[in-house]
Amino acid sequence: MRRSRIFSSESLGDRARVTLGGDRARYLTRVLRLPVGAEVTLFDGSGPEWPAVITRMGRDRVELALGEAQTPHRDSPLSLRLLQGVSRGERMDYAVQKATELGVHSILPVLTRHGVVRLDGPQAEKKRRHWQDVAVSACEQSGRCRVPDVQRPAALTSVLAGLPQDGPRWRLDPAGKQPLGGDPAPPGQAIITVLIGPEGGFDEAEADAATSAGFAVRSLGPRVLRTETAAAAVMAVLQARWGDLSSGGD
């Protein structure tokens, strides 16, 4: 039987004693209904994971004893950065969740002119924390030990201006003439950056800004995909082309 995997926001170490509170403690006690002595797996996002045994349980806290660290190889060697146009509610959650399951390294939510979501100040940070939690849950489920960084949503132009020059850049467009994944393999240390628009797509000025920032247009085929579907499809195509999607697993 597969052990439940739980993320710890605190750094972990071999043979340590750990106390979990909040949602994760309630998940263990009220959802899974695990007893004292049950075995789980903990990870802190740094790379390893630790087998753990529940030693004590309270109403909103669980104490665990950790074993020796293990370092599974479940994170893709392909570095993928996703610039995702912010979409409504569960659509954005889906994009973050599936991109995380499929190995994305970082997610930058971008606000665009045709996007239906408007965020600023505290709302933007609240959304960032929510999407980061979605990514954490996807790592717990998928076996990943490194959690992708979800940045605070920002205007597309400011995100483009702050991108480092560290690899190929592609913008999805159904009218693109060249398919995604048809390029030569990127250098081993390169980070692939893919830009996906929101429900309403990009306006002409945004498309021009992306081109000026070095984004070449690529297509996912003749059909127009929903923005959240495109996020999952991008990760799958690139992982199958140059990553580890074909190396096995469930």
C-alpha atoms as a PDB file:
ATOM      1  CA  MET A   1       0.000   0.000   0.000  1.00  0.00           C
ATOM      2  CA  ARG A   2       1.327   3.403  -0.957  1.00  0.00           C
ATOM      3  CA  ARG A   3       2.132   5.719   1.946  1.00  0.00           C
ATOM      4  CA  SER A   4       0.487   9.114   2.101  1.00  0.00           C
ATOM      5  CA  ARG A   5       2.918  11.928   1.291  1.00  0.00           C
ATOM      6  CA  ILE A   6       2.773  15.117   3.339  1.00  0.00           C
ATOM      7  CA  PHE A   7       4.573  18.403   2.748  1.00  0.00           C
ATOM      8  CA  SER A   8       6.281  20.149   5.658  1.00  0.00           C
ATOM      9  CA  SER A   9       6.922  23.878   5.481  1.00  0.00           C
ATOM     10  CA  GLU A  10       9.677  23.386   8.048  1.00  0.00           C
ATOM     11  CA  SER A  11      13.072  21.961   7.047  1.00  0.00           C
ATOM     12  CA  LEU A  12      13.416  18.271   7.849  1.00  0.00           C
ATOM     13  CA  GLY A  13      16.375  16.136   8.884  1.00  0.00           C
ATOM     14  CA  ASP A  14      17.299  12.552   9.612  1.00  0.00           C
ATOM     15  CA  ARG A  15      15.919  11.096  12.844  1.00  0.00           C
ATOM     16  CA  ALA A  16      14.158  14.344  13.662  1.00  0.00           C
ATOM     17  CA  ARG A  17      10.917  14.783  15.594  1.00  0.00           C
ATOM     18  CA  VAL A  18       8.358  16.842  13.703  1.00  0.00           C
ATOM     19  CA  THR A  19       5.025  18.379  14.666  1.00  0.00           C
ATOM     20  CA  LEU A  20       2.456  19.114  11.988  1.00  0.00           C
ATOM     21  CA  GLY A  21      -0.476  21.409  12.615  1.00  0.00           C
ATOM     22  CA  GLY A  22      -3.259  23.066  10.665  1.00  0.00           C
ATOM     23  CA  ASP A  23      -4.657  21.540   7.500  1.00  0.00           C
ATOM     24  CA  ARG A  24      -2.084  18.778   7.238  1.00  0.00           C
ATOM     25  CA  ALA A  25      -2.680  17.560  10.766  1.00  0.00           C
ATOM     26  CA  ARG A  26      -6.427  17.590  10.161  1.00  0.00           C
ATOM     27  CA  TYR A  27      -5.912  15.704   6.902  1.00  0.00           C
ATOM     28  CA  LEU A  28      -4.044  12.933   8.707  1.00  0.00           C
ATOM     29  CA  THR A  29      -6.455  12.707  11.627  1.00  0.00           C
ATOM     30  CA  ARG A  30      -9.887  13.507  10.150  1.00  0.00           C
ATOM     31  CA  VAL A  31      -9.629  12.577   6.474  1.00  0.00           C
ATOM     32  CA  LEU A  32      -7.231   9.641   6.465  1.00  0.00           C
ATOM     33  CA  ARG A  33      -8.054   8.754  10.095  1.00  0.00           C
ATOM     34  CA  LEU A  34      -4.587   7.347  10.640  1.00  0.00           C
ATOM     35  CA  PRO A  35      -3.757   5.908  14.074  1.00  0.00           C
ATOM     36  CA  VAL A  36      -0.623   6.275  16.159  1.00  0.00           C
ATOM     37  CA  GLY A  37       2.011   4.026  14.619  1.00  0.00           C
ATOM     38  CA  ALA A  38       0.877   4.653  11.041  1.00  0.00           C
ATOM     39  CA  GLU A  39       3.615   5.256   8.479  1.00  0.00           C
ATOM     40  CA  VAL A  40       3.658   8.223   6.105  1.00  0.00           C
ATOM     41  CA  THR A  41       6.243  10.057   3.998  1.00  0.00           C
ATOM     42  CA  LEU A  42       7.277  13.669   4.589  1.00  0.00           C
ATOM     43  CA  PHE A  43       9.119  16.061   2.292  1.00  0.00           C
ATOM     44  CA  ASP A  44      10.097  19.720   2.576  1.00  0.00           C
ATOM     45  CA  GLY A  45      10.688  20.671  -1.049  1.00  0.00           C
ATOM     46  CA  SER A  46      14.484  20.483  -0.860  1.00  0.00           C
ATOM     47  CA  GLY A  47      14.827  17.188  -2.757  1.00  0.00           C
ATOM     48  CA  PRO A  48      14.795  14.267  -0.295  1.00  0.00           C
ATOM     49  CA  GLU A  49      11.853  12.645   1.428  1.00  0.00           C
ATOM     50  CA  TRP A  50      11.687  10.914   4.792  1.00  0.00           C
ATOM     51  CA  PRO A  51       9.772   7.884   6.033  1.00  0.00           C
ATOM     52  CA  ALA A  52       7.905   8.879   9.185  1.00  0.00           C
ATOM     53  CA  VAL A  53       5.861   7.235  11.923  1.00  0.00           C
ATOM     54  CA  ILE A  54       3.061   8.966  13.824  1.00  0.00           C
ATOM     55  CA  THR A  55       3.983   8.956  17.516  1.00  0.00           C
ATOM     56  CA  ARG A  56       1.302  11.182  19.028  1.00  0.00           C
ATOM     57  CA  MET A  57      -1.948  12.784  17.905  1.00  0.00           C
ATOM     58  CA  GLY A  58      -4.007  15.667  19.197  1.00  0.00           C
ATOM     59  CA  ARG A  59      -7.016  17.566  17.976  1.00  0.00           C
ATOM     60  CA  ASP A  60      -5.052  19.783  15.589  1.00  0.00           C
ATOM     61  CA  ARG A  61      -1.503  18.478  15.793  1.00  0.00           C
ATOM     62  CA  VAL A  62       0.356  15.335  14.896  1.00  0.00           C
ATOM     63  CA  GLU A  63       3.825  14.385  16.069  1.00  0.00           C
ATOM     64  CA  LEU A  64       6.030  12.174  13.904  1.00  0.00           C
ATOM     65  CA  ALA A  65       9.432  10.532  14.110  1.00  0.00           C
ATOM     66  CA  LEU A  66      11.484  10.641  10.917  1.00  0.00           C
ATOM     67  CA  GLY A  67      13.803   7.969   9.565  1.00  0.00           C
ATOM     68  CA  GLU A  68      16.725   8.326   7.144  1.00  0.00           C
ATOM     69  CA  ALA A  69      16.351  10.550   4.091  1.00  0.00           C
ATOM     70  CA  GLN A  70      15.751   9.010   0.695  1.00  0.00           C
ATOM     71  CA  THR A  71      16.303  10.829  -2.593  1.00  0.00           C
ATOM     72  CA  PRO A  72      14.030   9.498  -5.345  1.00  0.00           C
ATOM     73  CA  HIS A  73      14.485  10.742  -8.895  1.00  0.00           C
ATOM     74  CA  ARG A  74      10.996  11.927  -9.735  1.00  0.00           C
ATOM     75  CA  ASP A  75      11.713  15.506 -10.774  1.00  0.00           C
ATOM     76  CA  SER A  76      12.312  16.043 -14.451  1.00  0.00           C
ATOM     77  CA  PRO A  77      15.796  16.964 -15.684  1.00  0.00           C
ATOM     78  CA  LEU A  78      14.059  19.302 -18.142  1.00  0.00           C
ATOM     79  CA  SER A  79      13.676  22.809 -16.724  1.00  0.00           C
ATOM     80  CA  LEU A  80      10.312  24.282 -17.696  1.00  0.00           C
ATOM     81  CA  ARG A  81       9.032  27.765 -16.870  1.00  0.00           C
ATOM     82  CA  LEU A  82       5.347  28.431 -17.525  1.00  0.00           C
ATOM     83  CA  LEU A  83       3.970  31.924 -18.087  1.00  0.00           C
ATOM     84  CA  GLN A  84       0.260  31.263 -17.726  1.00  0.00           C
ATOM     85  CA  GLY A  85      -2.426  33.799 -18.525  1.00  0.00           C
ATOM     86  CA  VAL A  86      -4.635  34.026 -15.448  1.00  0.00           C
ATOM     87  CA  SER A  87      -8.034  32.444 -15.972  1.00  0.00           C
ATOM     88  CA  ARG A  88     -11.088  32.125 -13.769  1.00  0.00           C
ATOM     89  CA  GLY A  89     -11.408  29.947 -10.664  1.00  0.00           C
ATOM     90  CA  GLU A  90     -10.945  26.248 -11.198  1.00  0.00           C
ATOM     91  CA  ARG A  91      -9.441  26.713 -14.654  1.00  0.00           C
ATOM     92  CA  MET A  92      -6.340  28.317 -13.201  1.00  0.00           C
ATOM     93  CA  ASP A  93      -6.205  25.748 -10.413  1.00  0.00           C
ATOM     94  CA  TYR A  94      -6.316  23.000 -13.049  1.00  0.00           C
ATOM     95  CA  ALA A  95      -3.491  24.595 -15.039  1.00  0.00           C
ATOM     96  CA  VAL A  96      -1.283  24.869 -11.956  1.00  0.00           C
ATOM     97  CA  GLN A  97      -2.121  21.364 -10.762  1.00  0.00           C
ATOM     98  CA  LYS A  98      -1.499  19.584 -14.069  1.00  0.00           C
ATOM     99  CA  ALA A  99       1.614  21.568 -14.916  1.00  0.00           C
ATOM    100  CA  THR A 100       3.021  20.601 -11.514  1.00  0.00           C
ATOM    101  CA  GLU A 101       2.173  16.929 -11.981  1.00  0.00           C
ATOM    102  CA  LEU A 102       3.907  17.033 -15.359  1.00  0.00           C
ATOM    103  CA  GLY A 103       7.128  18.521 -14.024  1.00  0.00           C
ATOM    104  CA  VAL A 104       7.041  22.313 -14.386  1.00  0.00           C
ATOM    105  CA  HIS A 105       9.799  24.084 -12.425  1.00  0.00           C
ATOM    106  CA  SER A 106       8.182  27.502 -11.989  1.00  0.00           C
ATOM    107  CA  ILE A 107       4.877  29.207 -12.783  1.00  0.00           C
ATOM    108  CA  LEU A 108       4.458  32.912 -13.458  1.00  0.00           C
ATOM    109  CA  PRO A 109       0.760  33.928 -13.627  1.00  0.00           C
ATOM    110  CA  VAL A 110       0.396  36.839 -16.057  1.00  0.00           C
ATOM    111  CA  LEU A 111      -2.379  39.421 -16.267  1.00  0.00           C
ATOM    112  CA  THR A 112      -3.390  40.438 -19.763  1.00  0.00           C
ATOM    113  CA  ARG A 113      -5.736  42.884 -21.455  1.00  0.00           C
ATOM    114  CA  HIS A 114      -8.242  40.241 -22.571  1.00  0.00           C
ATOM    115  CA  GLY A 115      -8.043  38.269 -19.352  1.00  0.00           C
ATOM    116  CA  VAL A 116     -11.261  38.176 -17.353  1.00  0.00           C
ATOM    117  CA  VAL A 117      -9.503  38.221 -13.965  1.00  0.00           C
ATOM    118  CA  ARG A 118      -8.325  41.462 -12.361  1.00  0.00           C
ATOM    119  CA  LEU A 119      -6.028  41.254  -9.350  1.00  0.00           C
ATOM    120  CA  ASP A 120      -4.075  43.807  -7.378  1.00  0.00           C
ATOM    121  CA  GLY A 121      -2.527  44.258  -3.950  1.00  0.00           C
ATOM    122  CA  PRO A 122      -3.716  41.798  -1.295  1.00  0.00           C
ATOM    123  CA  GLN A 123      -5.881  39.906  -3.794  1.00  0.00           C
ATOM    124  CA  ALA A 124      -2.847  39.064  -5.920  1.00  0.00           C
ATOM    125  CA  GLU A 125      -0.902  37.736  -2.948  1.00  0.00           C
ATOM    126  CA  LYS A 126      -3.902  35.756  -1.718  1.00  0.00           C
ATOM    127  CA  LYS A 127      -4.198  34.117  -5.121  1.00  0.00           C
ATOM    128  CA  ARG A 128      -0.481  33.405  -5.225  1.00  0.00           C
ATOM    129  CA  ARG A 129      -0.664  31.585  -1.882  1.00  0.00           C
ATOM    130  CA  HIS A 130      -3.696  29.618  -3.071  1.00  0.00           C
ATOM    131  CA  TRP A 131      -1.971  28.517  -6.281  1.00  0.00           C
ATOM    132  CA  GLN A 132       1.173  27.638  -4.346  1.00  0.00           C
ATOM    133  CA  ASP A 133      -0.946  25.375  -2.132  1.00  0.00           C
ATOM    134  CA  VAL A 134      -2.397  23.770  -5.263  1.00  0.00           C
ATOM    135  CA  ALA A 135       1.151  23.061  -6.435  1.00  0.00           C
ATOM    136  CA  VAL A 136       2.088  21.591  -3.053  1.00  0.00           C
ATOM    137  CA  SER A 137      -0.923  19.260  -3.106  1.00  0.00           C
ATOM    138  CA  ALA A 138      -0.016  18.184  -6.644  1.00  0.00           C
ATOM    139  CA  CYS A 139       3.505  17.343  -5.442  1.00  0.00           C
ATOM    140  CA  GLU A 140       2.095  15.301  -2.558  1.00  0.00           C
ATOM    141  CA  GLN A 141      -0.052  13.329  -4.985  1.00  0.00           C
ATOM    142  CA  SER A 142       2.462  12.900  -7.810  1.00  0.00           C
ATOM    143  CA  GLY A 143       5.524  11.990  -5.768  1.00  0.00           C
ATOM    144  CA  ARG A 144       7.526  15.106  -6.577  1.00  0.00           C
ATOM    145  CA  CYS A 145       9.967  16.227  -3.906  1.00  0.00           C
ATOM    146  CA  ARG A 146      10.649  19.720  -5.215  1.00  0.00           C
ATOM    147  CA  VAL A 147       7.764  22.161  -5.249  1.00  0.00           C
ATOM    148  CA  PRO A 148       7.606  24.564  -8.209  1.00  0.00           C
ATOM    149  CA  ASP A 149       7.672  28.224  -7.287  1.00  0.00           C
ATOM    150  CA  VAL A 150       4.432  30.057  -8.091  1.00  0.00           C
ATOM    151  CA  GLN A 151       5.077  33.761  -8.361  1.00  0.00           C
ATOM    152  CA  ARG A 152       2.725  36.623  -7.673  1.00  0.00           C
ATOM    153  CA  PRO A 153       0.499  37.462 -10.656  1.00  0.00           C
ATOM    154  CA  ALA A 154       1.732  40.507 -12.556  1.00  0.00           C
ATOM    155  CA  ALA A 155       1.132  42.328 -15.827  1.00  0.00           C
ATOM    156  CA  LEU A 156       2.558  40.532 -18.845  1.00  0.00           C
ATOM    157  CA  THR A 157       4.775  43.457 -19.813  1.00  0.00           C
ATOM    158  CA  SER A 158       6.469  43.587 -16.409  1.00  0.00           C
ATOM    159  CA  VAL A 159       6.950  39.805 -16.352  1.00  0.00           C
ATOM    160  CA  LEU A 160       8.544  39.878 -19.809  1.00  0.00           C
ATOM    161  CA  ALA A 161      10.890  42.665 -18.742  1.00  0.00           C
ATOM    162  CA  GLY A 162      12.120  40.651 -15.754  1.00  0.00           C
ATOM    163  CA  LEU A 163      12.818  37.338 -17.480  1.00  0.00           C
ATOM    164  CA  PRO A 164      16.432  36.144 -17.503  1.00  0.00           C
ATOM    165  CA  GLN A 165      18.056  35.134 -20.781  1.00  0.00           C
ATOM    166  CA  ASP A 166      18.440  31.445 -19.957  1.00  0.00           C
ATOM    167  CA  GLY A 167      16.918  29.408 -22.781  1.00  0.00           C
ATOM    168  CA  PRO A 168      14.402  29.184 -25.621  1.00  0.00           C
ATOM    169  CA  ARG A 169      11.138  31.111 -25.422  1.00  0.00           C
ATOM    170  CA  TRP A 170       7.933  30.049 -27.142  1.00  0.00           C
ATOM    171  CA  ARG A 171       4.468  31.596 -27.276  1.00  0.00           C
ATOM    172  CA  LEU A 172       1.521  29.372 -28.103  1.00  0.00           C
ATOM    173  CA  ASP A 173      -0.763  30.448 -30.943  1.00  0.00           C
ATOM    174  CA  PRO A 174      -3.229  28.218 -32.836  1.00  0.00           C
ATOM    175  CA  ALA A 175      -2.184  30.066 -36.022  1.00  0.00           C
ATOM    176  CA  GLY A 176       1.474  29.200 -35.530  1.00  0.00           C
ATOM    177  CA  LYS A 177       3.165  27.470 -38.447  1.00  0.00           C
ATOM    178  CA  GLN A 178       5.723  25.487 -36.453  1.00  0.00           C
ATOM    179  CA  PRO A 179       4.691  22.800 -33.943  1.00  0.00           C
ATOM    180  CA  LEU A 180       5.799  22.893 -30.338  1.00  0.00           C
ATOM    181  CA  GLY A 181       8.533  20.316 -29.810  1.00  0.00           C
ATOM    182  CA  GLY A 182       9.803  20.519 -33.386  1.00  0.00           C
ATOM    183  CA  ASP A 183      12.909  22.535 -32.491  1.00  0.00           C
ATOM    184  CA  PRO A 184      16.366  21.063 -31.875  1.00  0.00           C
ATOM    185  CA  ALA A 185      16.977  19.905 -28.316  1.00  0.00           C
ATOM    186  CA  PRO A 186      17.872  22.823 -26.044  1.00  0.00           C
ATOM    187  CA  PRO A 187      21.248  22.864 -24.249  1.00  0.00           C
ATOM    188  CA  GLY A 188      21.354  20.796 -21.077  1.00  0.00           C
ATOM    189  CA  GLN A 189      21.305  23.764 -18.682  1.00  0.00           C
ATOM    190  CA  ALA A 190      18.709  25.776 -20.592  1.00  0.00           C
ATOM    191  CA  ILE A 191      15.350  26.710 -19.114  1.00  0.00           C
ATOM    192  CA  ILE A 192      12.465  26.462 -21.578  1.00  0.00           C
ATOM    193  CA  THR A 193       9.922  29.256 -21.155  1.00  0.00           C
ATOM    194  CA  VAL A 194       6.428  28.867 -22.621  1.00  0.00           C
ATOM    195  CA  LEU A 195       3.823  31.640 -22.699  1.00  0.00           C
ATOM    196  CA  ILE A 196       0.121  30.698 -22.778  1.00  0.00           C
ATOM    197  CA  GLY A 197      -2.651  33.259 -23.086  1.00  0.00           C
ATOM    198  CA  PRO A 198      -5.873  33.479 -21.050  1.00  0.00           C
ATOM    199  CA  GLU A 199      -9.370  32.664 -22.320  1.00  0.00           C
ATOM    200  CA  GLY A 200      -9.454  35.767 -24.519  1.00  0.00           C
ATOM    201  CA  GLY A 201      -5.946  35.359 -25.905  1.00  0.00           C
ATOM    202  CA  PHE A 202      -3.393  38.140 -26.378  1.00  0.00           C
ATOM    203  CA  ASP A 203      -4.070  41.447 -28.042  1.00  0.00           C
ATOM    204  CA  GLU A 204      -1.809  42.658 -30.840  1.00  0.00           C
ATOM    205  CA  ALA A 205       0.352  44.817 -28.564  1.00  0.00           C
ATOM    206  CA  GLU A 206       0.942  41.914 -26.155  1.00  0.00           C
ATOM    207  CA  ALA A 207       1.823  39.557 -28.988  1.00  0.00           C
ATOM    208  CA  ASP A 208       4.279  42.142 -30.326  1.00  0.00           C
ATOM    209  CA  ALA A 209       5.784  42.610 -26.865  1.00  0.00           C
ATOM    210  CA  ALA A 210       6.321  38.861 -26.569  1.00  0.00           C
ATOM    211  CA  THR A 211       8.002  38.787 -29.973  1.00  0.00           C
ATOM    212  CA  SER A 212      10.255  41.680 -28.959  1.00  0.00           C
ATOM    213  CA  ALA A 213      11.143  39.731 -25.803  1.00  0.00           C
ATOM    214  CA  GLY A 214      12.354  36.813 -27.917  1.00  0.00           C
ATOM    215  CA  PHE A 215       9.281  34.555 -27.924  1.00  0.00           C
ATOM    216  CA  ALA A 216       8.881  32.550 -31.133  1.00  0.00           C
ATOM    217  CA  VAL A 217       5.370  31.395 -32.051  1.00  0.00           C
ATOM    218  CA  ARG A 218       4.612  27.684 -31.763  1.00  0.00           C
ATOM    219  CA  SER A 219       1.409  25.656 -32.198  1.00  0.00           C
ATOM    220  CA  LEU A 220      -0.163  22.659 -30.475  1.00  0.00           C
ATOM    221  CA  GLY A 221      -2.011  21.610 -33.599  1.00  0.00           C
ATOM    222  CA  PRO A 222      -5.105  22.606 -35.551  1.00  0.00           C
ATOM    223  CA  ARG A 223      -7.563  22.680 -32.657  1.00  0.00           C
ATOM    224  CA  VAL A 224      -8.019  25.611 -30.281  1.00  0.00           C
ATOM    225  CA  LEU A 225      -7.459  24.374 -26.728  1.00  0.00           C
ATOM    226  CA  ARG A 226      -8.765  25.870 -23.536  1.00  0.00           C
ATOM    227  CA  THR A 227      -6.034  27.742 -21.698  1.00  0.00           C
ATOM    228  CA  GLU A 228      -5.913  25.184 -18.876  1.00  0.00           C
ATOM    229  CA  THR A 229      -5.803  22.295 -21.363  1.00  0.00           C
ATOM    230  CA  ALA A 230      -2.936  23.985 -23.188  1.00  0.00           C
ATOM    231  CA  ALA A 231      -0.877  24.149 -19.987  1.00  0.00           C
ATOM    232  CA  ALA A 232      -1.105  20.383 -19.498  1.00  0.00           C
ATOM    233  CA  ALA A 233      -0.531  19.695 -23.203  1.00  0.00           C
ATOM    234  CA  VAL A 234       2.598  21.866 -23.299  1.00  0.00           C
ATOM    235  CA  MET A 235       4.164  20.052 -20.377  1.00  0.00           C
ATOM    236  CA  ALA A 236       3.294  16.653 -21.829  1.00  0.00           C
ATOM    237  CA  VAL A 237       4.696  17.447 -25.282  1.00  0.00           C
ATOM    238  CA  LEU A 238       7.969  18.839 -23.979  1.00  0.00           C
ATOM    239  CA  GLN A 239       8.451  16.118 -21.363  1.00  0.00           C
ATOM    240  CA  ALA A 240       7.817  13.444 -23.995  1.00  0.00           C
ATOM    241  CA  ARG A 241      10.162  15.182 -26.427  1.00  0.00           C
ATOM    242  CA  TRP A 242      13.125  15.960 -24.162  1.00  0.00           C
ATOM    243  CA  GLY A 243      12.196  15.091 -20.588  1.00  0.00           C
ATOM    244  CA  ASP A 244      11.284  11.932 -18.689  1.00  0.00           C
ATOM    245  CA  LEU A 245       7.635  11.334 -19.581  1.00  0.00           C
ATOM    246  CA  SER A 246       8.440   8.206 -21.589  1.00  0.00           C
ATOM    247  CA  SER A 247      10.742   6.717 -18.953  1.00  0.00           C
ATOM    248  CA  GLY A 248       7.993   4.893 -17.085  1.00  0.00           C
ATOM    249  CA  GLY A 249       5.682   5.445 -14.138  1.00  0.00           C
ATOM    250  CA  ASP A 250       1.943   5.377 -13.591  1.00  0.00           C
END
